[in-house]
Amino acid sequence: MIDRRYRLLAAAALAVCSVVIVSGAQEGSATDPESLTFPTSAGSWAPGDETPEGRAPQNTGEVEIRGVGTFTYDPTSVETSRPDLFQPGFFSVFDLLLHLAEGERIELEYGFDDLADTHVIRSLNGLEGWWYDAHYEGGWFERTVVRMDHYPIKDGTQVVLFLEDPERLQAILDHHREEVERRVASEGAAIIPEVTLRSARESVTFENVLVTAHDLRADVFQPGTVTALDVLLSLGEQGLLDGISLEWRFGEGEIGVIDSYLVRRVAAPGFAPEASESCALTHQASSERIAEYLAPHTHTTSHIHLSADLEILVSPESLDWMWNCQ
């Protein structure tokens, strides 16, 4: 195992936090919008103007609330509770519950926890302790800890609400609050103490990584929203990666909607694996508080999960990128 470690001083990193948008034709942008390579031929780590756009949900969906029932919904009638994060037409798992409550199909008490920067369910049909899981078509449930009002809905998304173990539910809330505390301590900046790239033979770690928004998914998210993919783009801008390659996945076989980027290649000094039919680069945001409650990612390119370009980041303690092979 090769282990390389890099340290970034947060103060120095803050000096390079601006994002330069390069317009016009770029390699992997205007010329081939379904494949992006960074840095571009112009040396930029910013996306161009012409990138694919995800489709807003249009088809009738279902939400299962265990012990209560299964409910259908019309996604064109659902509005987001987080217009600070989502573009019109896109919304989260939490918004489905609001939609059901507004239609008087469930009884929902909720509030916004400023310390965790998320909506929390106080009670649903008189019961407390609810959490959720979700997956896209072609995926499976993974015991998510992503904020309920951050998880984007696509056509074909499976959503289930259930009464969670109280200790795990508290750990999730603590994890979210710790992220906000970290962001406040950094004066609003997203600085991740540890980012690691792992393969079967190599490991590269970067410390105190300043992450800035590159708005690659401005079709779904509001400008300035930081995603897990921004971690790689930020490392590249700071001169710590040699390059990355992304592939847009529109759909695959019987899976009608994927609409996200697959990370095909990440290259750093001594680290350059590439995705294949049996291998994929997956990611996991974590912290000491939540680690024991996470399910390990073992899937490859055949599994459709919450991709890095669609996972909103606040300020996690760590982010691991793992090369998984069947």
C-alpha atoms as a PDB file:
ATOM      1  CA  MET A   1       0.000   0.000   0.000  1.00  0.00           C
ATOM      2  CA  ILE A   2       1.363   3.372  -1.030  1.00  0.00           C
ATOM      3  CA  ASP A   3       0.180   6.207   1.236  1.00  0.00           C
ATOM      4  CA  ARG A   4       0.772   9.812   0.250  1.00  0.00           C
ATOM      5  CA  ARG A   5      -0.411  12.726   2.367  1.00  0.00           C
ATOM      6  CA  TYR A   6      -0.698  16.384   1.469  1.00  0.00           C
ATOM      7  CA  ARG A   7      -1.480  19.278   3.817  1.00  0.00           C
ATOM      8  CA  LEU A   8      -3.272  22.429   2.691  1.00  0.00           C
ATOM      9  CA  LEU A   9      -3.213  25.462   4.943  1.00  0.00           C
ATOM     10  CA  ALA A  10      -6.785  26.778   5.091  1.00  0.00           C
ATOM     11  CA  ALA A  11      -5.669  30.378   5.117  1.00  0.00           C
ATOM     12  CA  ALA A  12      -3.602  29.891   2.001  1.00  0.00           C
ATOM     13  CA  ALA A  13      -6.371  27.933   0.333  1.00  0.00           C
ATOM     14  CA  LEU A  14      -8.825  30.762   0.943  1.00  0.00           C
ATOM     15  CA  ALA A  15      -6.678  32.950  -1.249  1.00  0.00           C
ATOM     16  CA  VAL A  16      -7.434  30.775  -4.276  1.00  0.00           C
ATOM     17  CA  CYS A  17     -11.150  30.243  -3.688  1.00  0.00           C
ATOM     18  CA  SER A  18     -12.385  32.154  -6.738  1.00  0.00           C
ATOM     19  CA  VAL A  19     -13.710  30.139  -9.678  1.00  0.00           C
ATOM     20  CA  VAL A  20     -12.852  31.238 -13.206  1.00  0.00           C
ATOM     21  CA  ILE A  21     -15.599  30.469 -15.720  1.00  0.00           C
ATOM     22  CA  VAL A  22     -14.255  29.949 -19.224  1.00  0.00           C
ATOM     23  CA  SER A  23     -16.823  30.472 -21.968  1.00  0.00           C
ATOM     24  CA  GLY A  24     -16.822  29.162 -25.507  1.00  0.00           C
ATOM     25  CA  ALA A  25     -15.702  25.782 -26.840  1.00  0.00           C
ATOM     26  CA  GLN A  26     -13.631  23.686 -24.470  1.00  0.00           C
ATOM     27  CA  GLU A  27     -12.274  20.202 -24.547  1.00  0.00           C
ATOM     28  CA  GLY A  28     -14.922  17.881 -23.153  1.00  0.00           C
ATOM     29  CA  SER A  29     -17.476  20.704 -23.078  1.00  0.00           C
ATOM     30  CA  ALA A  30     -18.915  22.395 -26.160  1.00  0.00           C
ATOM     31  CA  THR A  31     -17.306  19.890 -28.512  1.00  0.00           C
ATOM     32  CA  ASP A  32     -18.435  16.786 -26.592  1.00  0.00           C
ATOM     33  CA  PRO A  33     -20.984  17.666 -23.890  1.00  0.00           C
ATOM     34  CA  GLU A  34     -21.348  14.051 -22.749  1.00  0.00           C
ATOM     35  CA  SER A  35     -17.676  13.686 -21.811  1.00  0.00           C
ATOM     36  CA  LEU A  36     -15.700  16.151 -19.711  1.00  0.00           C
ATOM     37  CA  THR A  37     -11.967  16.142 -19.109  1.00  0.00           C
ATOM     38  CA  PHE A  38     -10.264  18.448 -16.624  1.00  0.00           C
ATOM     39  CA  PRO A  39      -8.163  20.417 -16.886  1.00  0.00           C
ATOM     40  CA  THR A  40      -9.452  21.547 -20.255  1.00  0.00           C
ATOM     41  CA  SER A  41      -7.153  22.338 -23.141  1.00  0.00           C
ATOM     42  CA  ALA A  42      -7.130  25.908 -21.799  1.00  0.00           C
ATOM     43  CA  GLY A  43      -5.958  24.636 -18.408  1.00  0.00           C
ATOM     44  CA  SER A  44      -9.279  25.338 -16.668  1.00  0.00           C
ATOM     45  CA  TRP A  45     -11.045  23.248 -14.026  1.00  0.00           C
ATOM     46  CA  ALA A  46     -14.340  25.062 -14.586  1.00  0.00           C
ATOM     47  CA  PRO A  47     -17.150  23.640 -16.759  1.00  0.00           C
ATOM     48  CA  GLY A  48     -18.064  25.309 -20.018  1.00  0.00           C
ATOM     49  CA  ASP A  49     -21.409  26.738 -21.026  1.00  0.00           C
ATOM     50  CA  GLU A  50     -22.633  23.650 -22.866  1.00  0.00           C
ATOM     51  CA  THR A  51     -23.160  20.718 -20.535  1.00  0.00           C
ATOM     52  CA  PRO A  52     -25.994  18.162 -20.431  1.00  0.00           C
ATOM     53  CA  GLU A  53     -29.088  18.961 -18.389  1.00  0.00           C
ATOM     54  CA  GLY A  54     -30.917  16.550 -16.151  1.00  0.00           C
ATOM     55  CA  ARG A  55     -34.632  15.970 -16.650  1.00  0.00           C
ATOM     56  CA  ALA A  56     -36.991  17.238 -13.961  1.00  0.00           C
ATOM     57  CA  PRO A  57     -39.258  14.460 -12.660  1.00  0.00           C
ATOM     58  CA  GLN A  58     -42.454  14.068 -14.699  1.00  0.00           C
ATOM     59  CA  ASN A  59     -43.830  10.600 -13.981  1.00  0.00           C
ATOM     60  CA  THR A  60     -46.081   9.548 -11.104  1.00  0.00           C
ATOM     61  CA  GLY A  61     -44.032   8.308  -8.166  1.00  0.00           C
ATOM     62  CA  GLU A  62     -44.592   6.462  -4.888  1.00  0.00           C
ATOM     63  CA  VAL A  63     -43.596   6.994  -1.264  1.00  0.00           C
ATOM     64  CA  GLU A  64     -43.840   4.132   1.217  1.00  0.00           C
ATOM     65  CA  ILE A  65     -44.375   5.110   4.846  1.00  0.00           C
ATOM     66  CA  ARG A  66     -44.085   1.910   6.818  1.00  0.00           C
ATOM     67  CA  GLY A  67     -47.039   1.301   9.071  1.00  0.00           C
ATOM     68  CA  VAL A  68     -49.005   4.095   7.381  1.00  0.00           C
ATOM     69  CA  GLY A  69     -49.301   3.278   3.691  1.00  0.00           C
ATOM     70  CA  THR A  70     -47.964   3.780   0.173  1.00  0.00           C
ATOM     71  CA  PHE A  71     -48.813   7.076  -1.503  1.00  0.00           C
ATOM     72  CA  THR A  72     -48.584   8.184  -5.106  1.00  0.00           C
ATOM     73  CA  TYR A  73     -47.698  11.726  -6.124  1.00  0.00           C
ATOM     74  CA  ASP A  74     -47.557  13.903  -9.216  1.00  0.00           C
ATOM     75  CA  PRO A  75     -44.024  15.380  -9.309  1.00  0.00           C
ATOM     76  CA  THR A  76     -45.152  18.346 -11.395  1.00  0.00           C
ATOM     77  CA  SER A  77     -47.232  19.450  -8.382  1.00  0.00           C
ATOM     78  CA  VAL A  78     -44.376  19.236  -5.855  1.00  0.00           C
ATOM     79  CA  GLU A  79     -42.492  22.387  -4.905  1.00  0.00           C
ATOM     80  CA  THR A  80     -39.167  22.607  -3.124  1.00  0.00           C
ATOM     81  CA  SER A  81     -38.845  23.778   0.462  1.00  0.00           C
ATOM     82  CA  ARG A  82     -35.214  24.657  -0.307  1.00  0.00           C
ATOM     83  CA  PRO A  83     -35.240  27.251  -3.109  1.00  0.00           C
ATOM     84  CA  ASP A  84     -31.801  28.201  -1.801  1.00  0.00           C
ATOM     85  CA  LEU A  85     -30.568  24.835  -3.109  1.00  0.00           C
ATOM     86  CA  PHE A  86     -32.842  23.562  -5.902  1.00  0.00           C
ATOM     87  CA  GLN A  87     -33.761  25.000  -9.269  1.00  0.00           C
ATOM     88  CA  PRO A  88     -37.487  25.175 -10.166  1.00  0.00           C
ATOM     89  CA  GLY A  89     -38.839  21.754 -11.106  1.00  0.00           C
ATOM     90  CA  PHE A  90     -36.413  19.876  -8.842  1.00  0.00           C
ATOM     91  CA  PHE A  91     -37.039  18.894  -5.237  1.00  0.00           C
ATOM     92  CA  SER A  92     -36.049  16.558  -2.417  1.00  0.00           C
ATOM     93  CA  VAL A  93     -37.385  13.595  -0.448  1.00  0.00           C
ATOM     94  CA  PHE A  94     -38.583  15.942   2.294  1.00  0.00           C
ATOM     95  CA  ASP A  95     -40.654  17.893  -0.207  1.00  0.00           C
ATOM     96  CA  LEU A  96     -42.642  14.752  -0.977  1.00  0.00           C
ATOM     97  CA  LEU A  97     -43.756  14.608   2.668  1.00  0.00           C
ATOM     98  CA  LEU A  98     -44.733  18.267   2.630  1.00  0.00           C
ATOM     99  CA  HIS A  99     -46.726  17.619  -0.526  1.00  0.00           C
ATOM    100  CA  LEU A 100     -48.584  14.728   1.120  1.00  0.00           C
ATOM    101  CA  ALA A 101     -49.239  16.798   4.245  1.00  0.00           C
ATOM    102  CA  GLU A 102     -50.530  19.749   2.230  1.00  0.00           C
ATOM    103  CA  GLY A 103     -52.956  17.349   0.539  1.00  0.00           C
ATOM    104  CA  GLU A 104     -54.072  16.165   4.006  1.00  0.00           C
ATOM    105  CA  ARG A 105     -52.966  12.618   3.260  1.00  0.00           C
ATOM    106  CA  ILE A 106     -50.663  12.497   6.286  1.00  0.00           C
ATOM    107  CA  GLU A 107     -50.264  14.522   9.478  1.00  0.00           C
ATOM    108  CA  LEU A 108     -46.807  16.071   9.631  1.00  0.00           C
ATOM    109  CA  GLU A 109     -45.139  18.216  12.272  1.00  0.00           C
ATOM    110  CA  TYR A 110     -41.714  19.507  11.320  1.00  0.00           C
ATOM    111  CA  GLY A 111     -39.288  22.369  11.802  1.00  0.00           C
ATOM    112  CA  PHE A 112     -36.059  23.756  10.435  1.00  0.00           C
ATOM    113  CA  ASP A 113     -33.039  23.054  12.637  1.00  0.00           C
ATOM    114  CA  ASP A 114     -30.647  25.956  12.060  1.00  0.00           C
ATOM    115  CA  LEU A 115     -27.901  24.128  13.940  1.00  0.00           C
ATOM    116  CA  ALA A 116     -28.124  21.235  11.441  1.00  0.00           C
ATOM    117  CA  ASP A 117     -29.139  23.322   8.399  1.00  0.00           C
ATOM    118  CA  THR A 118     -32.005  20.992   7.546  1.00  0.00           C
ATOM    119  CA  HIS A 119     -35.682  20.284   8.072  1.00  0.00           C
ATOM    120  CA  VAL A 120     -36.440  17.664  10.709  1.00  0.00           C
ATOM    121  CA  ILE A 121     -39.626  15.670  11.265  1.00  0.00           C
ATOM    122  CA  ARG A 122     -41.084  16.196  14.727  1.00  0.00           C
ATOM    123  CA  SER A 123     -43.887  13.687  14.224  1.00  0.00           C
ATOM    124  CA  LEU A 124     -45.707  11.885  11.415  1.00  0.00           C
ATOM    125  CA  ASN A 125     -49.243  10.679  12.105  1.00  0.00           C
ATOM    126  CA  GLY A 126     -48.535  11.209  15.786  1.00  0.00           C
ATOM    127  CA  LEU A 127     -45.338   9.142  15.919  1.00  0.00           C
ATOM    128  CA  GLU A 128     -41.775  10.436  16.454  1.00  0.00           C
ATOM    129  CA  GLY A 129     -38.414   9.098  15.301  1.00  0.00           C
ATOM    130  CA  TRP A 130     -38.759   8.961  11.499  1.00  0.00           C
ATOM    131  CA  TRP A 131     -35.930   8.661   8.995  1.00  0.00           C
ATOM    132  CA  TYR A 132     -35.804   7.641   5.353  1.00  0.00           C
ATOM    133  CA  ASP A 133     -33.934   5.751   2.708  1.00  0.00           C
ATOM    134  CA  ALA A 134     -34.026   6.230  -1.056  1.00  0.00           C
ATOM    135  CA  HIS A 135     -32.467   4.935  -4.222  1.00  0.00           C
ATOM    136  CA  TYR A 136     -32.648   5.599  -7.929  1.00  0.00           C
ATOM    137  CA  GLU A 137     -33.750   3.161 -10.601  1.00  0.00           C
ATOM    138  CA  GLY A 138     -30.985   0.585 -10.967  1.00  0.00           C
ATOM    139  CA  GLY A 139     -29.832   0.984  -7.363  1.00  0.00           C
ATOM    140  CA  TRP A 140     -30.729  -0.256  -3.906  1.00  0.00           C
ATOM    141  CA  PHE A 141     -31.229   1.139  -0.415  1.00  0.00           C
ATOM    142  CA  GLU A 142     -27.937   2.109   1.268  1.00  0.00           C
ATOM    143  CA  ARG A 143     -28.923   3.414   4.730  1.00  0.00           C
ATOM    144  CA  THR A 144     -28.368   7.010   3.734  1.00  0.00           C
ATOM    145  CA  VAL A 145     -27.417   9.781   6.162  1.00  0.00           C
ATOM    146  CA  VAL A 146     -27.890  12.539   3.569  1.00  0.00           C
ATOM    147  CA  ARG A 147     -30.152  15.335   4.777  1.00  0.00           C
ATOM    148  CA  MET A 148     -33.747  14.610   3.807  1.00  0.00           C
ATOM    149  CA  ASP A 149     -34.140  18.009   2.143  1.00  0.00           C
ATOM    150  CA  HIS A 150     -30.910  17.515   0.152  1.00  0.00           C
ATOM    151  CA  TYR A 151     -31.640  14.196  -1.600  1.00  0.00           C
ATOM    152  CA  PRO A 152     -32.820  14.981  -5.177  1.00  0.00           C
ATOM    153  CA  ILE A 153     -35.780  13.131  -6.643  1.00  0.00           C
ATOM    154  CA  LYS A 154     -35.655  11.763 -10.207  1.00  0.00           C
ATOM    155  CA  ASP A 155     -38.208   9.723 -12.109  1.00  0.00           C
ATOM    156  CA  GLY A 156     -38.054   6.176 -10.762  1.00  0.00           C
ATOM    157  CA  THR A 157     -36.777   7.085  -7.285  1.00  0.00           C
ATOM    158  CA  GLN A 158     -37.822   4.650  -4.565  1.00  0.00           C
ATOM    159  CA  VAL A 159     -38.478   6.301  -1.177  1.00  0.00           C
ATOM    160  CA  VAL A 160     -39.291   4.663   2.142  1.00  0.00           C
ATOM    161  CA  LEU A 161     -39.942   6.288   5.544  1.00  0.00           C
ATOM    162  CA  PHE A 162     -39.552   4.233   8.709  1.00  0.00           C
ATOM    163  CA  LEU A 163     -39.101   4.521  12.459  1.00  0.00           C
ATOM    164  CA  GLU A 164     -35.330   4.647  12.931  1.00  0.00           C
ATOM    165  CA  ASP A 165     -33.287   3.327  15.820  1.00  0.00           C
ATOM    166  CA  PRO A 166     -33.086   6.297  18.248  1.00  0.00           C
ATOM    167  CA  GLU A 167     -29.301   6.050  18.642  1.00  0.00           C
ATOM    168  CA  ARG A 168     -28.705   6.102  14.886  1.00  0.00           C
ATOM    169  CA  LEU A 169     -31.166   8.961  14.404  1.00  0.00           C
ATOM    170  CA  GLN A 170     -29.378  11.008  17.062  1.00  0.00           C
ATOM    171  CA  ALA A 171     -26.006  10.220  15.493  1.00  0.00           C
ATOM    172  CA  ILE A 172     -27.269  11.498  12.131  1.00  0.00           C
ATOM    173  CA  LEU A 173     -28.476  14.746  13.706  1.00  0.00           C
ATOM    174  CA  ASP A 174     -25.192  15.160  15.609  1.00  0.00           C
ATOM    175  CA  HIS A 175     -23.278  14.560  12.372  1.00  0.00           C
ATOM    176  CA  HIS A 176     -25.247  17.277  10.596  1.00  0.00           C
ATOM    177  CA  ARG A 177     -24.771  19.737  13.452  1.00  0.00           C
ATOM    178  CA  GLU A 178     -21.035  19.076  13.560  1.00  0.00           C
ATOM    179  CA  GLU A 179     -20.854  19.874   9.842  1.00  0.00           C
ATOM    180  CA  VAL A 180     -22.528  23.245  10.429  1.00  0.00           C
ATOM    181  CA  GLU A 181     -20.225  23.973  13.373  1.00  0.00           C
ATOM    182  CA  ARG A 182     -17.242  23.265  11.125  1.00  0.00           C
ATOM    183  CA  ARG A 183     -18.585  25.577   8.413  1.00  0.00           C
ATOM    184  CA  VAL A 184     -19.251  28.372  10.918  1.00  0.00           C
ATOM    185  CA  ALA A 185     -15.735  28.003  12.334  1.00  0.00           C
ATOM    186  CA  SER A 186     -14.412  28.439   8.769  1.00  0.00           C
ATOM    187  CA  GLU A 187     -16.491  31.611   8.303  1.00  0.00           C
ATOM    188  CA  GLY A 188     -18.848  29.947   5.850  1.00  0.00           C
ATOM    189  CA  ALA A 189     -16.230  28.096   3.808  1.00  0.00           C
ATOM    190  CA  ALA A 190     -16.404  24.345   3.219  1.00  0.00           C
ATOM    191  CA  ILE A 191     -13.053  23.037   4.431  1.00  0.00           C
ATOM    192  CA  ILE A 192     -12.788  19.246   4.729  1.00  0.00           C
ATOM    193  CA  PRO A 193     -10.123  18.112   7.213  1.00  0.00           C
ATOM    194  CA  GLU A 194      -9.338  14.930   5.283  1.00  0.00           C
ATOM    195  CA  VAL A 195      -9.965  13.803   1.694  1.00  0.00           C
ATOM    196  CA  THR A 196      -8.635  10.389   0.684  1.00  0.00           C
ATOM    197  CA  LEU A 197      -8.355   8.608  -2.668  1.00  0.00           C
ATOM    198  CA  ARG A 198      -8.083   4.832  -2.302  1.00  0.00           C
ATOM    199  CA  SER A 199      -7.522   1.938  -4.662  1.00  0.00           C
ATOM    200  CA  ALA A 200      -6.451  -1.631  -3.976  1.00  0.00           C
ATOM    201  CA  ARG A 201      -2.777  -0.626  -4.089  1.00  0.00           C
ATOM    202  CA  GLU A 202      -2.592   3.093  -3.438  1.00  0.00           C
ATOM    203  CA  SER A 203      -3.842   5.728  -1.023  1.00  0.00           C
ATOM    204  CA  VAL A 204      -3.467   9.498  -1.328  1.00  0.00           C
ATOM    205  CA  THR A 205      -4.668  11.832   1.430  1.00  0.00           C
ATOM    206  CA  PHE A 206      -5.150  15.604   1.337  1.00  0.00           C
ATOM    207  CA  GLU A 207      -5.724  17.640   4.486  1.00  0.00           C
ATOM    208  CA  ASN A 208      -7.740  20.824   5.102  1.00  0.00           C
ATOM    209  CA  VAL A 209      -9.165  20.947   1.591  1.00  0.00           C
ATOM    210  CA  LEU A 210     -11.051  24.117   0.699  1.00  0.00           C
ATOM    211  CA  VAL A 211     -13.987  23.176  -1.542  1.00  0.00           C
ATOM    212  CA  THR A 212     -15.649  25.750  -3.783  1.00  0.00           C
ATOM    213  CA  ALA A 213     -18.702  25.447  -6.018  1.00  0.00           C
ATOM    214  CA  HIS A 214     -18.115  24.985  -9.750  1.00  0.00           C
ATOM    215  CA  ASP A 215     -21.820  24.839 -10.674  1.00  0.00           C
ATOM    216  CA  LEU A 216     -21.435  21.829 -12.933  1.00  0.00           C
ATOM    217  CA  ARG A 217     -25.058  20.899 -12.072  1.00  0.00           C
ATOM    218  CA  ALA A 218     -26.602  24.341 -12.379  1.00  0.00           C
ATOM    219  CA  ASP A 219     -29.518  22.569 -14.067  1.00  0.00           C
ATOM    220  CA  VAL A 220     -30.521  21.035 -10.719  1.00  0.00           C
ATOM    221  CA  PHE A 221     -28.934  23.245  -8.052  1.00  0.00           C
ATOM    222  CA  GLN A 222     -28.738  26.950  -7.412  1.00  0.00           C
ATOM    223  CA  PRO A 223     -25.400  28.657  -8.165  1.00  0.00           C
ATOM    224  CA  GLY A 224     -22.959  28.307  -5.298  1.00  0.00           C
ATOM    225  CA  THR A 225     -24.215  24.899  -4.127  1.00  0.00           C
ATOM    226  CA  VAL A 226     -21.231  22.719  -3.197  1.00  0.00           C
ATOM    227  CA  THR A 227     -21.314  19.038  -4.192  1.00  0.00           C
ATOM    228  CA  ALA A 228     -19.045  16.059  -3.598  1.00  0.00           C
ATOM    229  CA  LEU A 229     -17.764  16.373  -7.169  1.00  0.00           C
ATOM    230  CA  ASP A 230     -16.579  19.898  -6.362  1.00  0.00           C
ATOM    231  CA  VAL A 231     -14.018  18.283  -4.053  1.00  0.00           C
ATOM    232  CA  LEU A 232     -12.182  16.781  -7.036  1.00  0.00           C
ATOM    233  CA  LEU A 233     -12.505  19.959  -9.084  1.00  0.00           C
ATOM    234  CA  SER A 234     -11.185  22.028  -6.179  1.00  0.00           C
ATOM    235  CA  LEU A 235      -8.218  19.706  -5.665  1.00  0.00           C
ATOM    236  CA  GLY A 236      -7.456  20.082  -9.346  1.00  0.00           C
ATOM    237  CA  GLU A 237      -7.654  23.873  -9.218  1.00  0.00           C
ATOM    238  CA  GLN A 238      -5.250  23.852  -6.302  1.00  0.00           C
ATOM    239  CA  GLY A 239      -2.724  21.854  -8.327  1.00  0.00           C
ATOM    240  CA  LEU A 240      -3.085  18.616  -6.382  1.00  0.00           C
ATOM    241  CA  LEU A 241      -4.636  16.457  -9.113  1.00  0.00           C
ATOM    242  CA  ASP A 242      -3.234  15.857 -12.575  1.00  0.00           C
ATOM    243  CA  GLY A 243      -6.664  15.367 -14.137  1.00  0.00           C
ATOM    244  CA  ILE A 244     -10.131  13.814 -13.975  1.00  0.00           C
ATOM    245  CA  SER A 245     -12.514  12.456 -16.619  1.00  0.00           C
ATOM    246  CA  LEU A 246     -16.294  12.451 -16.348  1.00  0.00           C
ATOM    247  CA  GLU A 247     -18.911  10.650 -18.414  1.00  0.00           C
ATOM    248  CA  TRP A 248     -22.524  11.795 -18.619  1.00  0.00           C
ATOM    249  CA  ARG A 249     -24.984   8.921 -18.200  1.00  0.00           C
ATOM    250  CA  PHE A 250     -28.389   9.701 -19.738  1.00  0.00           C
ATOM    251  CA  GLY A 251     -29.865   6.234 -19.237  1.00  0.00           C
ATOM    252  CA  GLU A 252     -28.758   2.649 -19.550  1.00  0.00           C
ATOM    253  CA  GLY A 253     -30.675  -0.391 -20.810  1.00  0.00           C
ATOM    254  CA  GLU A 254     -34.036  -0.453 -19.055  1.00  0.00           C
ATOM    255  CA  ILE A 255     -33.030   2.415 -16.759  1.00  0.00           C
ATOM    256  CA  GLY A 256     -34.676   5.412 -18.343  1.00  0.00           C
ATOM    257  CA  VAL A 257     -33.219   8.203 -16.210  1.00  0.00           C
ATOM    258  CA  ILE A 258     -29.725   8.403 -14.773  1.00  0.00           C
ATOM    259  CA  ASP A 259     -28.828  11.999 -15.684  1.00  0.00           C
ATOM    260  CA  SER A 260     -25.585  12.230 -13.746  1.00  0.00           C
ATOM    261  CA  TYR A 261     -21.835  12.138 -14.213  1.00  0.00           C
ATOM    262  CA  LEU A 262     -19.751   9.035 -13.650  1.00  0.00           C
ATOM    263  CA  VAL A 263     -16.172   9.713 -12.551  1.00  0.00           C
ATOM    264  CA  ARG A 264     -14.180   7.694 -15.076  1.00  0.00           C
ATOM    265  CA  ARG A 265     -10.638   8.633 -14.074  1.00  0.00           C
ATOM    266  CA  VAL A 266      -8.802  10.452 -11.319  1.00  0.00           C
ATOM    267  CA  ALA A 267      -5.093  11.114 -11.684  1.00  0.00           C
ATOM    268  CA  ALA A 268      -2.785  12.339  -8.920  1.00  0.00           C
ATOM    269  CA  PRO A 269       0.934  11.712  -8.465  1.00  0.00           C
ATOM    270  CA  GLY A 270       1.179   7.929  -8.049  1.00  0.00           C
ATOM    271  CA  PHE A 271      -2.581   7.425  -8.370  1.00  0.00           C
ATOM    272  CA  ALA A 272      -4.428   6.995 -11.679  1.00  0.00           C
ATOM    273  CA  PRO A 273      -7.071   4.205 -11.751  1.00  0.00           C
ATOM    274  CA  GLU A 274      -9.856   4.253 -14.348  1.00  0.00           C
ATOM    275  CA  ALA A 275     -13.432   3.023 -14.231  1.00  0.00           C
ATOM    276  CA  SER A 276     -14.387  -0.115 -16.138  1.00  0.00           C
ATOM    277  CA  GLU A 277     -17.355  -2.460 -16.344  1.00  0.00           C
ATOM    278  CA  SER A 278     -16.277  -4.075 -13.074  1.00  0.00           C
ATOM    279  CA  CYS A 279     -14.696  -1.114 -11.250  1.00  0.00           C
ATOM    280  CA  ALA A 280     -16.014   2.281 -10.172  1.00  0.00           C
ATOM    281  CA  LEU A 281     -14.935   5.216  -8.037  1.00  0.00           C
ATOM    282  CA  THR A 282     -17.432   5.725  -5.210  1.00  0.00           C
ATOM    283  CA  HIS A 283     -17.439   8.306  -2.452  1.00  0.00           C
ATOM    284  CA  GLN A 284     -18.503   8.529   1.187  1.00  0.00           C
ATOM    285  CA  ALA A 285     -18.714  11.600   3.414  1.00  0.00           C
ATOM    286  CA  SER A 286     -18.206  10.624   7.038  1.00  0.00           C
ATOM    287  CA  SER A 287     -17.208  11.612  10.557  1.00  0.00           C
ATOM    288  CA  GLU A 288     -16.168   9.875  13.729  1.00  0.00           C
ATOM    289  CA  ARG A 289     -19.711  10.326  15.058  1.00  0.00           C
ATOM    290  CA  ILE A 290     -21.488   8.669  12.120  1.00  0.00           C
ATOM    291  CA  ALA A 291     -18.957   6.138  10.784  1.00  0.00           C
ATOM    292  CA  GLU A 292     -20.339   3.091  12.586  1.00  0.00           C
ATOM    293  CA  TYR A 293     -23.829   3.748  11.200  1.00  0.00           C
ATOM    294  CA  LEU A 294     -22.814   3.848   7.528  1.00  0.00           C
ATOM    295  CA  ALA A 295     -23.250   1.012   5.067  1.00  0.00           C
ATOM    296  CA  PRO A 296     -20.088   0.334   3.019  1.00  0.00           C
ATOM    297  CA  HIS A 297     -20.172   1.147  -0.696  1.00  0.00           C
ATOM    298  CA  THR A 298     -19.305  -2.003  -2.646  1.00  0.00           C
ATOM    299  CA  HIS A 299     -21.015  -1.306  -5.960  1.00  0.00           C
ATOM    300  CA  THR A 300     -19.528  -0.732  -9.399  1.00  0.00           C
ATOM    301  CA  THR A 301     -20.646   1.053 -12.569  1.00  0.00           C
ATOM    302  CA  SER A 302     -23.686  -1.216 -12.922  1.00  0.00           C
ATOM    303  CA  HIS A 303     -25.174   0.267  -9.732  1.00  0.00           C
ATOM    304  CA  ILE A 304     -26.946   3.644  -9.914  1.00  0.00           C
ATOM    305  CA  HIS A 305     -26.535   5.552  -6.663  1.00  0.00           C
ATOM    306  CA  LEU A 306     -26.516   9.159  -5.438  1.00  0.00           C
ATOM    307  CA  SER A 307     -23.657  10.387  -7.592  1.00  0.00           C
ATOM    308  CA  ALA A 308     -21.045  12.929  -6.543  1.00  0.00           C
ATOM    309  CA  ASP A 309     -22.472  15.650  -8.780  1.00  0.00           C
ATOM    310  CA  LEU A 310     -25.852  15.342  -7.020  1.00  0.00           C
ATOM    311  CA  GLU A 311     -24.718  15.005  -3.388  1.00  0.00           C
ATOM    312  CA  ILE A 312     -24.744  18.370  -1.641  1.00  0.00           C
ATOM    313  CA  LEU A 313     -21.940  18.904   0.856  1.00  0.00           C
ATOM    314  CA  VAL A 314     -22.034  21.153   3.914  1.00  0.00           C
ATOM    315  CA  SER A 315     -18.662  20.582   5.585  1.00  0.00           C
ATOM    316  CA  PRO A 316     -18.010  16.915   6.436  1.00  0.00           C
ATOM    317  CA  GLU A 317     -15.136  15.743   8.590  1.00  0.00           C
ATOM    318  CA  SER A 318     -13.863  13.478   5.852  1.00  0.00           C
ATOM    319  CA  LEU A 319     -14.575  12.391   2.296  1.00  0.00           C
ATOM    320  CA  ASP A 320     -13.269   9.084   0.981  1.00  0.00           C
ATOM    321  CA  TRP A 321     -13.102   8.202  -2.710  1.00  0.00           C
ATOM    322  CA  MET A 322     -12.828   4.418  -3.021  1.00  0.00           C
ATOM    323  CA  TRP A 323     -12.057   2.331  -6.091  1.00  0.00           C
ATOM    324  CA  ASN A 324     -14.360  -0.680  -5.888  1.00  0.00           C
ATOM    325  CA  CYS A 325     -14.067  -3.714  -8.160  1.00  0.00           C
ATOM    326  CA  GLN A 326     -16.201  -6.852  -8.407  1.00  0.00           C
END
